[in-house]
PDB file of N, CA and C in Angstrom:
ATOM      1  N   MET A   1       2.275 -12.450  11.923  1.00  0.00           N
ATOM      2  CA  MET A   1       3.220 -11.355  11.877  1.00  0.00           C
ATOM      3  C   MET A   1       4.403 -11.645  12.810  1.00  0.00           C
ATOM      4  N   ALA A   2       4.095 -12.079  14.039  1.00  0.00           N
ATOM      5  CA  ALA A   2       5.150 -12.319  15.021  1.00  0.00           C
ATOM      6  C   ALA A   2       6.090 -13.429  14.578  1.00  0.00           C
ATOM      7  N   SER A   3       5.557 -14.517  14.035  1.00  0.00           N
ATOM      8  CA  SER A   3       6.424 -15.622  13.623  1.00  0.00           C
ATOM      9  C   SER A   3       7.269 -15.239  12.405  1.00  0.00           C
ATOM     10  N   THR A   4       6.703 -14.465  11.491  1.00  0.00           N
ATOM     11  CA  THR A   4       7.472 -13.993  10.340  1.00  0.00           C
ATOM     12  C   THR A   4       8.639 -13.130  10.806  1.00  0.00           C
ATOM     13  N   LEU A   5       8.370 -12.220  11.738  1.00  0.00           N
ATOM     14  CA  LEU A   5       9.436 -11.355  12.246  1.00  0.00           C
ATOM     15  C   LEU A   5      10.496 -12.154  12.990  1.00  0.00           C
ATOM     16  N   GLN A   6      10.054 -13.129  13.797  1.00  0.00           N
ATOM     17  CA  GLN A   6      11.010 -13.972  14.520  1.00  0.00           C
ATOM     18  C   GLN A   6      11.921 -14.703  13.534  1.00  0.00           C
ATOM     19  N   ASN A   7      11.344 -15.243  12.468  1.00  0.00           N
ATOM     20  CA  ASN A   7      12.143 -15.934  11.453  1.00  0.00           C
ATOM     21  C   ASN A   7      13.146 -15.003  10.782  1.00  0.00           C
ATOM     22  N   GLU A   8      12.835 -13.722  10.748  1.00  0.00           N
ATOM     23  CA  GLU A   8      13.741 -12.720  10.172  1.00  0.00           C
ATOM     24  C   GLU A   8      14.709 -12.142  11.212  1.00  0.00           C
ATOM     25  N   GLY A   9      14.587 -12.594  12.467  1.00  0.00           N
ATOM     26  CA  GLY A   9      15.483 -12.121  13.522  1.00  0.00           C
ATOM     27  C   GLY A   9      15.122 -10.759  14.078  1.00  0.00           C
ATOM     28  N   LEU A  10      13.829 -10.407  14.030  1.00  0.00           N
ATOM     29  CA  LEU A  10      13.398  -9.083  14.469  1.00  0.00           C
ATOM     30  C   LEU A  10      12.287  -9.154  15.514  1.00  0.00           C
ATOM     31  N   ASN A  11      12.256  -8.164  16.380  1.00  0.00           N
ATOM     32  CA  ASN A  11      11.131  -7.872  17.259  1.00  0.00           C
ATOM     33  C   ASN A  11      10.608  -6.498  16.888  1.00  0.00           C
ATOM     34  N   ILE A  12       9.311  -6.328  17.081  1.00  0.00           N
ATOM     35  CA  ILE A  12       8.714  -5.003  16.975  1.00  0.00           C
ATOM     36  C   ILE A  12       8.149  -4.651  18.346  1.00  0.00           C
ATOM     37  N   ASP A  13       7.685  -3.449  18.478  1.00  0.00           N
ATOM     38  CA  ASP A  13       7.076  -3.011  19.727  1.00  0.00           C
ATOM     39  C   ASP A  13       5.604  -3.403  19.695  1.00  0.00           C
ATOM     40  N   TYR A  14       5.262  -4.472  20.425  1.00  0.00           N
ATOM     41  CA  TYR A  14       3.922  -5.048  20.387  1.00  0.00           C
ATOM     42  C   TYR A  14       2.906  -4.320  21.260  1.00  0.00           C
ATOM     43  N   PHE A  15       3.252  -3.142  21.755  1.00  0.00           N
ATOM     44  CA  PHE A  15       2.304  -2.383  22.569  1.00  0.00           C
ATOM     45  C   PHE A  15       1.063  -2.081  21.724  1.00  0.00           C
ATOM     46  N   PRO A  16      -0.140  -2.260  22.274  1.00  0.00           N
ATOM     47  CA  PRO A  16      -1.373  -2.129  21.490  1.00  0.00           C
ATOM     48  C   PRO A  16      -1.520  -0.819  20.721  1.00  0.00           C
ATOM     49  N   ASP A  17      -1.009   0.273  21.253  1.00  0.00           N
ATOM     50  CA  ASP A  17      -1.156   1.561  20.569  1.00  0.00           C
ATOM     51  C   ASP A  17      -0.394   1.623  19.247  1.00  0.00           C
ATOM     52  N   ASN A  18       0.465   0.651  18.994  1.00  0.00           N
ATOM     53  CA  ASN A  18       1.259   0.639  17.764  1.00  0.00           C
ATOM     54  C   ASN A  18       0.569  -0.100  16.622  1.00  0.00           C
ATOM     55  N   PHE A  19      -0.698  -0.435  16.827  1.00  0.00           N
ATOM     56  CA  PHE A  19      -1.452  -1.172  15.815  1.00  0.00           C
ATOM     57  C   PHE A  19      -2.769  -0.470  15.533  1.00  0.00           C
ATOM     58  N   VAL A  20      -3.203  -0.586  14.301  1.00  0.00           N
ATOM     59  CA  VAL A  20      -4.489  -0.035  13.871  1.00  0.00           C
ATOM     60  C   VAL A  20      -5.228  -1.137  13.120  1.00  0.00           C
ATOM     61  N   LEU A  21      -6.493  -1.325  13.460  1.00  0.00           N
ATOM     62  CA  LEU A  21      -7.348  -2.255  12.737  1.00  0.00           C
ATOM     63  C   LEU A  21      -8.158  -1.454  11.728  1.00  0.00           C
ATOM     64  N   CYS A  22      -8.038  -1.819  10.464  1.00  0.00           N
ATOM     65  CA  CYS A  22      -8.753  -1.108   9.409  1.00  0.00           C
ATOM     66  C   CYS A  22      -9.343  -2.138   8.444  1.00  0.00           C
ATOM     67  N   GLU A  23     -10.660  -2.140   8.357  1.00  0.00           N
ATOM     68  CA  GLU A  23     -11.373  -3.029   7.456  1.00  0.00           C
ATOM     69  C   GLU A  23     -10.913  -4.482   7.597  1.00  0.00           C
ATOM     70  N   GLY A  24     -10.753  -4.914   8.850  1.00  0.00           N
ATOM     71  CA  GLY A  24     -10.407  -6.302   9.132  1.00  0.00           C
ATOM     72  C   GLY A  24      -8.941  -6.653   9.024  1.00  0.00           C
ATOM     73  N   THR A  25      -8.087  -5.688   8.727  1.00  0.00           N
ATOM     74  CA  THR A  25      -6.651  -5.927   8.633  1.00  0.00           C
ATOM     75  C   THR A  25      -5.945  -5.161   9.736  1.00  0.00           C
ATOM     76  N   LEU A  26      -5.042  -5.857  10.435  1.00  0.00           N
ATOM     77  CA  LEU A  26      -4.270  -5.242  11.504  1.00  0.00           C
ATOM     78  C   LEU A  26      -2.960  -4.713  10.934  1.00  0.00           C
ATOM     79  N   TYR A  27      -2.720  -3.412  11.131  1.00  0.00           N
ATOM     80  CA  TYR A  27      -1.511  -2.764  10.629  1.00  0.00           C
ATOM     81  C   TYR A  27      -0.619  -2.352  11.796  1.00  0.00           C
ATOM     82  N   TYR A  28       0.682  -2.546  11.620  1.00  0.00           N
ATOM     83  CA  TYR A  28       1.675  -2.047  12.565  1.00  0.00           C
ATOM     84  C   TYR A  28       2.055  -0.651  12.108  1.00  0.00           C
ATOM     85  N   VAL A  29       1.921   0.347  12.986  1.00  0.00           N
ATOM     86  CA  VAL A  29       2.118   1.739  12.575  1.00  0.00           C
ATOM     87  C   VAL A  29       3.282   2.415  13.301  1.00  0.00           C
ATOM     88  N   ASP A  30       4.165   1.613  13.867  1.00  0.00           N
ATOM     89  CA  ASP A  30       5.329   2.147  14.564  1.00  0.00           C
ATOM     90  C   ASP A  30       6.569   1.759  13.766  1.00  0.00           C
ATOM     91  N   TYR A  31       7.597   2.558  13.820  1.00  0.00           N
ATOM     92  CA  TYR A  31       8.808   2.261  13.058  1.00  0.00           C
ATOM     93  C   TYR A  31       9.833   1.458  13.845  1.00  0.00           C
ATOM     94  N   GLU A  32       9.602   1.283  15.135  1.00  0.00           N
ATOM     95  CA  GLU A  32      10.590   0.599  15.976  1.00  0.00           C
ATOM     96  C   GLU A  32      10.684  -0.879  15.640  1.00  0.00           C
ATOM     97  N   HIS A  33      11.916  -1.349  15.529  1.00  0.00           N
ATOM     98  CA  HIS A  33      12.196  -2.774  15.460  1.00  0.00           C
ATOM     99  C   HIS A  33      13.586  -2.997  16.030  1.00  0.00           C
ATOM    100  N   ASN A  34      13.798  -4.179  16.579  1.00  0.00           N
ATOM    101  CA  ASN A  34      15.042  -4.508  17.249  1.00  0.00           C
ATOM    102  C   ASN A  34      15.440  -5.929  16.892  1.00  0.00           C
ATOM    103  N   PRO A  35      16.703  -6.292  17.130  1.00  0.00           N
ATOM    104  CA  PRO A  35      17.089  -7.690  16.936  1.00  0.00           C
ATOM    105  C   PRO A  35      16.230  -8.587  17.837  1.00  0.00           C
ATOM    106  N   TYR A  36      15.914  -9.769  17.328  1.00  0.00           N
ATOM    107  CA  TYR A  36      15.040 -10.674  18.064  1.00  0.00           C
ATOM    108  C   TYR A  36      15.655 -11.048  19.410  1.00  0.00           C
ATOM    109  N   ASP A  37      14.838 -10.974  20.445  1.00  0.00           N
ATOM    110  CA  ASP A  37      15.187 -11.405  21.794  1.00  0.00           C
ATOM    111  C   ASP A  37      13.915 -12.002  22.386  1.00  0.00           C
ATOM    112  N   GLU A  38      13.978 -13.252  22.783  1.00  0.00           N
ATOM    113  CA  GLU A  38      12.799 -13.951  23.301  1.00  0.00           C
ATOM    114  C   GLU A  38      12.125 -13.195  24.443  1.00  0.00           C
ATOM    115  N   ASN A  39      12.894 -12.483  25.263  1.00  0.00           N
ATOM    116  CA  ASN A  39      12.315 -11.734  26.387  1.00  0.00           C
ATOM    117  C   ASN A  39      11.345 -10.655  25.932  1.00  0.00           C
ATOM    118  N   TRP A  40      11.537 -10.150  24.719  1.00  0.00           N
ATOM    119  CA  TRP A  40      10.744  -9.016  24.243  1.00  0.00           C
ATOM    120  C   TRP A  40       9.829  -9.393  23.080  1.00  0.00           C
ATOM    121  N   ASN A  41       9.588 -10.673  22.892  1.00  0.00           N
ATOM    122  CA  ASN A  41       8.730 -11.090  21.781  1.00  0.00           C
ATOM    123  C   ASN A  41       7.251 -10.957  22.137  1.00  0.00           C
ATOM    124  N   LEU A  42       6.390 -11.339  21.214  1.00  0.00           N
ATOM    125  CA  LEU A  42       4.952 -11.217  21.431  1.00  0.00           C
ATOM    126  C   LEU A  42       4.488 -12.042  22.624  1.00  0.00           C
ATOM    127  N   VAL A  43       4.940 -13.278  22.727  1.00  0.00           N
ATOM    128  CA  VAL A  43       4.466 -14.181  23.783  1.00  0.00           C
ATOM    129  C   VAL A  43       4.941 -13.753  25.168  1.00  0.00           C
ATOM    130  N   ASN A  44       6.179 -13.332  25.299  1.00  0.00           N
ATOM    131  CA  ASN A  44       6.744 -13.010  26.613  1.00  0.00           C
ATOM    132  C   ASN A  44       6.605 -11.551  27.015  1.00  0.00           C
ATOM    133  N   TRP A  45       6.152 -10.726  26.109  1.00  0.00           N
ATOM    134  CA  TRP A  45       6.064  -9.300  26.411  1.00  0.00           C
ATOM    135  C   TRP A  45       4.758  -8.699  25.900  1.00  0.00           C
ATOM    136  N   GLY A  46       4.567  -8.704  24.603  1.00  0.00           N
ATOM    137  CA  GLY A  46       3.438  -7.993  24.003  1.00  0.00           C
ATOM    138  C   GLY A  46       2.061  -8.466  24.415  1.00  0.00           C
ATOM    139  N   LEU A  47       1.852  -9.790  24.477  1.00  0.00           N
ATOM    140  CA  LEU A  47       0.515 -10.294  24.812  1.00  0.00           C
ATOM    141  C   LEU A  47       0.037  -9.828  26.180  1.00  0.00           C
ATOM    142  N   TYR A  48       0.943  -9.585  27.098  1.00  0.00           N
ATOM    143  CA  TYR A  48       0.533  -9.154  28.444  1.00  0.00           C
ATOM    144  C   TYR A  48      -0.093  -7.762  28.418  1.00  0.00           C
ATOM    145  N   TYR A  49       0.392  -6.910  27.539  1.00  0.00           N
ATOM    146  CA  TYR A  49      -0.247  -5.599  27.396  1.00  0.00           C
ATOM    147  C   TYR A  49      -1.611  -5.741  26.739  1.00  0.00           C
ATOM    148  N   TRP A  50      -1.717  -6.626  25.759  1.00  0.00           N
ATOM    149  CA  TRP A  50      -3.004  -6.846  25.096  1.00  0.00           C
ATOM    150  C   TRP A  50      -4.010  -7.442  26.073  1.00  0.00           C
ATOM    151  N   ALA A  51      -3.568  -8.315  26.958  1.00  0.00           N
ATOM    152  CA  ALA A  51      -4.471  -8.928  27.941  1.00  0.00           C
ATOM    153  C   ALA A  51      -4.900  -7.935  29.011  1.00  0.00           C
ATOM    154  N   ASN A  52      -4.068  -6.962  29.298  1.00  0.00           N
ATOM    155  CA  ASN A  52      -4.331  -5.978  30.348  1.00  0.00           C
ATOM    156  C   ASN A  52      -5.016  -4.740  29.768  1.00  0.00           C
ATOM    157  N   SER A  53      -6.142  -4.939  29.130  1.00  0.00           N
ATOM    158  CA  SER A  53      -6.809  -3.820  28.460  1.00  0.00           C
ATOM    159  C   SER A  53      -7.241  -2.723  29.434  1.00  0.00           C
ATOM    160  N   GLN A  54      -7.675  -3.096  30.627  1.00  0.00           N
ATOM    161  CA  GLN A  54      -8.057  -2.073  31.608  1.00  0.00           C
ATOM    162  C   GLN A  54      -6.839  -1.276  32.062  1.00  0.00           C
ATOM    163  N   GLY A  55      -5.717  -1.961  32.255  1.00  0.00           N
ATOM    164  CA  GLY A  55      -4.490  -1.264  32.640  1.00  0.00           C
ATOM    165  C   GLY A  55      -3.996  -0.336  31.552  1.00  0.00           C
ATOM    166  N   VAL A  56      -4.063  -0.779  30.293  1.00  0.00           N
ATOM    167  CA  VAL A  56      -3.645   0.067  29.172  1.00  0.00           C
ATOM    168  C   VAL A  56      -4.548   1.300  29.080  1.00  0.00           C
ATOM    169  N   LYS A  57      -5.846   1.105  29.276  1.00  0.00           N
ATOM    170  CA  LYS A  57      -6.764   2.248  29.262  1.00  0.00           C
ATOM    171  C   LYS A  57      -6.412   3.230  30.379  1.00  0.00           C
ATOM    172  N   ALA A  58      -6.157   2.708  31.586  1.00  0.00           N
ATOM    173  CA  ALA A  58      -5.790   3.577  32.708  1.00  0.00           C
ATOM    174  C   ALA A  58      -4.461   4.273  32.440  1.00  0.00           C
ATOM    175  N   TYR A  59      -3.511   3.568  31.831  1.00  0.00           N
ATOM    176  CA  TYR A  59      -2.226   4.171  31.493  1.00  0.00           C
ATOM    177  C   TYR A  59      -2.409   5.325  30.507  1.00  0.00           C
ATOM    178  N   ARG A  60      -3.253   5.128  29.508  1.00  0.00           N
ATOM    179  CA  ARG A  60      -3.517   6.205  28.535  1.00  0.00           C
ATOM    180  C   ARG A  60      -4.082   7.442  29.222  1.00  0.00           C
ATOM    181  N   GLU A  61      -4.943   7.205  30.200  1.00  0.00           N
ATOM    182  CA  GLU A  61      -5.607   8.321  30.886  1.00  0.00           C
ATOM    183  C   GLU A  61      -4.699   9.005  31.900  1.00  0.00           C
ATOM    184  N   THR A  62      -3.855   8.236  32.588  1.00  0.00           N
ATOM    185  CA  THR A  62      -3.068   8.781  33.697  1.00  0.00           C
ATOM    186  C   THR A  62      -1.579   8.916  33.404  1.00  0.00           C
ATOM    187  N   LYS A  63      -1.097   8.197  32.386  1.00  0.00           N
ATOM    188  CA  LYS A  63       0.340   8.104  32.079  1.00  0.00           C
ATOM    189  C   LYS A  63       1.127   7.472  33.239  1.00  0.00           C
ATOM    190  N   ASP A  64       0.439   6.738  34.106  1.00  0.00           N
ATOM    191  CA  ASP A  64       1.061   6.059  35.238  1.00  0.00           C
ATOM    192  C   ASP A  64       1.490   4.661  34.805  1.00  0.00           C
ATOM    193  N   PRO A  65       2.810   4.419  34.649  1.00  0.00           N
ATOM    194  CA  PRO A  65       3.270   3.114  34.185  1.00  0.00           C
ATOM    195  C   PRO A  65       2.967   1.971  35.150  1.00  0.00           C
ATOM    196  N   ALA A  66       2.632   2.275  36.397  1.00  0.00           N
ATOM    197  CA  ALA A  66       2.275   1.224  37.353  1.00  0.00           C
ATOM    198  C   ALA A  66       0.995   0.504  36.940  1.00  0.00           C
ATOM    199  N   GLN A  67       0.233   1.099  36.031  1.00  0.00           N
ATOM    200  CA  GLN A  67      -0.993   0.459  35.539  1.00  0.00           C
ATOM    201  C   GLN A  67      -0.696  -0.722  34.623  1.00  0.00           C
ATOM    202  N   ILE A  68       0.503  -0.744  34.034  1.00  0.00           N
ATOM    203  CA  ILE A  68       0.821  -1.762  33.035  1.00  0.00           C
ATOM    204  C   ILE A  68       2.135  -2.499  33.277  1.00  0.00           C
ATOM    205  N   ASN A  69       3.014  -1.929  34.095  1.00  0.00           N
ATOM    206  CA  ASN A  69       4.338  -2.519  34.300  1.00  0.00           C
ATOM    207  C   ASN A  69       4.551  -2.953  35.750  1.00  0.00           C
ATOM    208  N   ILE A  70       5.386  -3.978  35.935  1.00  0.00           N
ATOM    209  CA  ILE A  70       5.631  -4.474  37.297  1.00  0.00           C
ATOM    210  C   ILE A  70       6.389  -3.469  38.146  1.00  0.00           C
ATOM    211  N   HIS A  71       7.103  -2.567  37.506  1.00  0.00           N
ATOM    212  CA  HIS A  71       7.820  -1.493  38.196  1.00  0.00           C
ATOM    213  C   HIS A  71       7.807  -0.291  37.275  1.00  0.00           C
ATOM    214  N   GLU A  72       7.589   0.875  37.825  1.00  0.00           N
ATOM    215  CA  GLU A  72       7.431   2.071  36.985  1.00  0.00           C
ATOM    216  C   GLU A  72       8.676   2.430  36.189  1.00  0.00           C
ATOM    217  N   SER A  73       9.846   1.947  36.600  1.00  0.00           N
ATOM    218  CA  SER A  73      11.083   2.292  35.899  1.00  0.00           C
ATOM    219  C   SER A  73      11.467   1.292  34.811  1.00  0.00           C
ATOM    220  N   PHE A  74      10.756   0.178  34.731  1.00  0.00           N
ATOM    221  CA  PHE A  74      11.107  -0.857  33.756  1.00  0.00           C
ATOM    222  C   PHE A  74       9.913  -1.144  32.861  1.00  0.00           C
ATOM    223  N   GLY A  75      10.154  -1.358  31.595  1.00  0.00           N
ATOM    224  CA  GLY A  75       9.086  -1.664  30.651  1.00  0.00           C
ATOM    225  C   GLY A  75       8.754  -3.140  30.616  1.00  0.00           C
ATOM    226  N   ILE A  76       8.563  -3.733  31.774  1.00  0.00           N
ATOM    227  CA  ILE A  76       8.213  -5.148  31.863  1.00  0.00           C
ATOM    228  C   ILE A  76       6.762  -5.234  32.323  1.00  0.00           C
ATOM    229  N   PRO A  77       5.908  -5.859  31.513  1.00  0.00           N
ATOM    230  CA  PRO A  77       4.479  -5.855  31.827  1.00  0.00           C
ATOM    231  C   PRO A  77       4.109  -6.652  33.068  1.00  0.00           C
ATOM    232  N   ILE A  78       3.005  -6.270  33.669  1.00  0.00           N
ATOM    233  CA  ILE A  78       2.399  -7.060  34.741  1.00  0.00           C
ATOM    234  C   ILE A  78       1.965  -8.372  34.117  1.00  0.00           C
ATOM    235  N   LYS A  79       2.369  -9.486  34.722  1.00  0.00           N
ATOM    236  CA  LYS A  79       2.100 -10.786  34.105  1.00  0.00           C
ATOM    237  C   LYS A  79       1.161 -11.682  34.905  1.00  0.00           C
ATOM    238  N   ALA A  80       1.340 -11.761  36.205  1.00  0.00           N
ATOM    239  CA  ALA A  80       0.655 -12.774  37.016  1.00  0.00           C
ATOM    240  C   ALA A  80      -0.855 -12.855  36.787  1.00  0.00           C
ATOM    241  N   PRO A  81      -1.599 -11.763  36.786  1.00  0.00           N
ATOM    242  CA  PRO A  81      -3.056 -11.888  36.644  1.00  0.00           C
ATOM    243  C   PRO A  81      -3.508 -12.364  35.262  1.00  0.00           C
ATOM    244  N   PHE A  82      -2.595 -12.391  34.300  1.00  0.00           N
ATOM    245  CA  PHE A  82      -2.971 -12.657  32.911  1.00  0.00           C
ATOM    246  C   PHE A  82      -2.437 -13.977  32.367  1.00  0.00           C
ATOM    247  N   GLU A  83      -1.751 -14.750  33.199  1.00  0.00           N
ATOM    248  CA  GLU A  83      -1.124 -15.996  32.742  1.00  0.00           C
ATOM    249  C   GLU A  83      -2.133 -16.950  32.110  1.00  0.00           C
ATOM    250  N   GLU A  84      -3.281 -17.136  32.733  1.00  0.00           N
ATOM    251  CA  GLU A  84      -4.274 -18.070  32.205  1.00  0.00           C
ATOM    252  C   GLU A  84      -4.760 -17.625  30.826  1.00  0.00           C
ATOM    253  N   GLN A  85      -5.074 -16.339  30.681  1.00  0.00           N
ATOM    254  CA  GLN A  85      -5.518 -15.817  29.391  1.00  0.00           C
ATOM    255  C   GLN A  85      -4.447 -15.985  28.331  1.00  0.00           C
ATOM    256  N   ILE A  86      -3.211 -15.669  28.676  1.00  0.00           N
ATOM    257  CA  ILE A  86      -2.107 -15.787  27.719  1.00  0.00           C
ATOM    258  C   ILE A  86      -1.947 -17.238  27.289  1.00  0.00           C
ATOM    259  N   ASN A  87      -1.980 -18.160  28.232  1.00  0.00           N
ATOM    260  CA  ASN A  87      -1.847 -19.578  27.893  1.00  0.00           C
ATOM    261  C   ASN A  87      -2.971 -20.053  26.986  1.00  0.00           C
ATOM    262  N   GLN A  88      -4.176 -19.552  27.197  1.00  0.00           N
ATOM    263  CA  GLN A  88      -5.296 -19.898  26.315  1.00  0.00           C
ATOM    264  C   GLN A  88      -5.055 -19.365  24.900  1.00  0.00           C
ATOM    265  N   TRP A  89      -4.602 -18.120  24.810  1.00  0.00           N
ATOM    266  CA  TRP A  89      -4.315 -17.550  23.493  1.00  0.00           C
ATOM    267  C   TRP A  89      -3.238 -18.351  22.790  1.00  0.00           C
ATOM    268  N   ILE A  90      -2.170 -18.678  23.505  1.00  0.00           N
ATOM    269  CA  ILE A  90      -1.063 -19.435  22.903  1.00  0.00           C
ATOM    270  C   ILE A  90      -1.542 -20.782  22.404  1.00  0.00           C
ATOM    271  N   SER A  91      -2.322 -21.490  23.209  1.00  0.00           N
ATOM    272  CA  SER A  91      -2.778 -22.811  22.783  1.00  0.00           C
ATOM    273  C   SER A  91      -3.769 -22.719  21.624  1.00  0.00           C
ATOM    274  N   SER A  92      -4.456 -21.602  21.508  1.00  0.00           N
ATOM    275  CA  SER A  92      -5.421 -21.427  20.416  1.00  0.00           C
ATOM    276  C   SER A  92      -4.775 -21.004  19.096  1.00  0.00           C
ATOM    277  N   TYR A  93      -3.696 -20.245  19.173  1.00  0.00           N
ATOM    278  CA  TYR A  93      -3.158 -19.624  17.960  1.00  0.00           C
ATOM    279  C   TYR A  93      -1.766 -20.067  17.565  1.00  0.00           C
ATOM    280  N   VAL A  94      -1.057 -20.766  18.414  1.00  0.00           N
ATOM    281  CA  VAL A  94       0.331 -21.141  18.070  1.00  0.00           C
ATOM    282  C   VAL A  94       0.376 -22.577  17.613  1.00  0.00           C
TER     283      VAL A  94
END
C-alpha cells in the first residue's frame, strides 16, 4: 500500500487507528491524504507508531501525546527506542 501511494505521489495518515483488519485484509478507513513527503511516509513516520504499541494504547486511554510523540505540540513520533525494530521490519519487507 505504501509503495503504491508513494508512486502516486501521496501519503496517508499511517496512525494505527486509521486501519481495520477484517478477514485477513487490512483496510485504510481514514480519508486523509497529502502530497508525498518522505518525512511523513510509512518508514519515517508511521512505523514508529506501529512499533510503539504500548504508547499508542496509553495515548488512547489518556489522550496524552507525550506517550507517542517526542514533543506534545508536534506530531513527530518517539523514535529512539524503536530503531532496531523498524530496521528489522524494513529489511524484512522492503
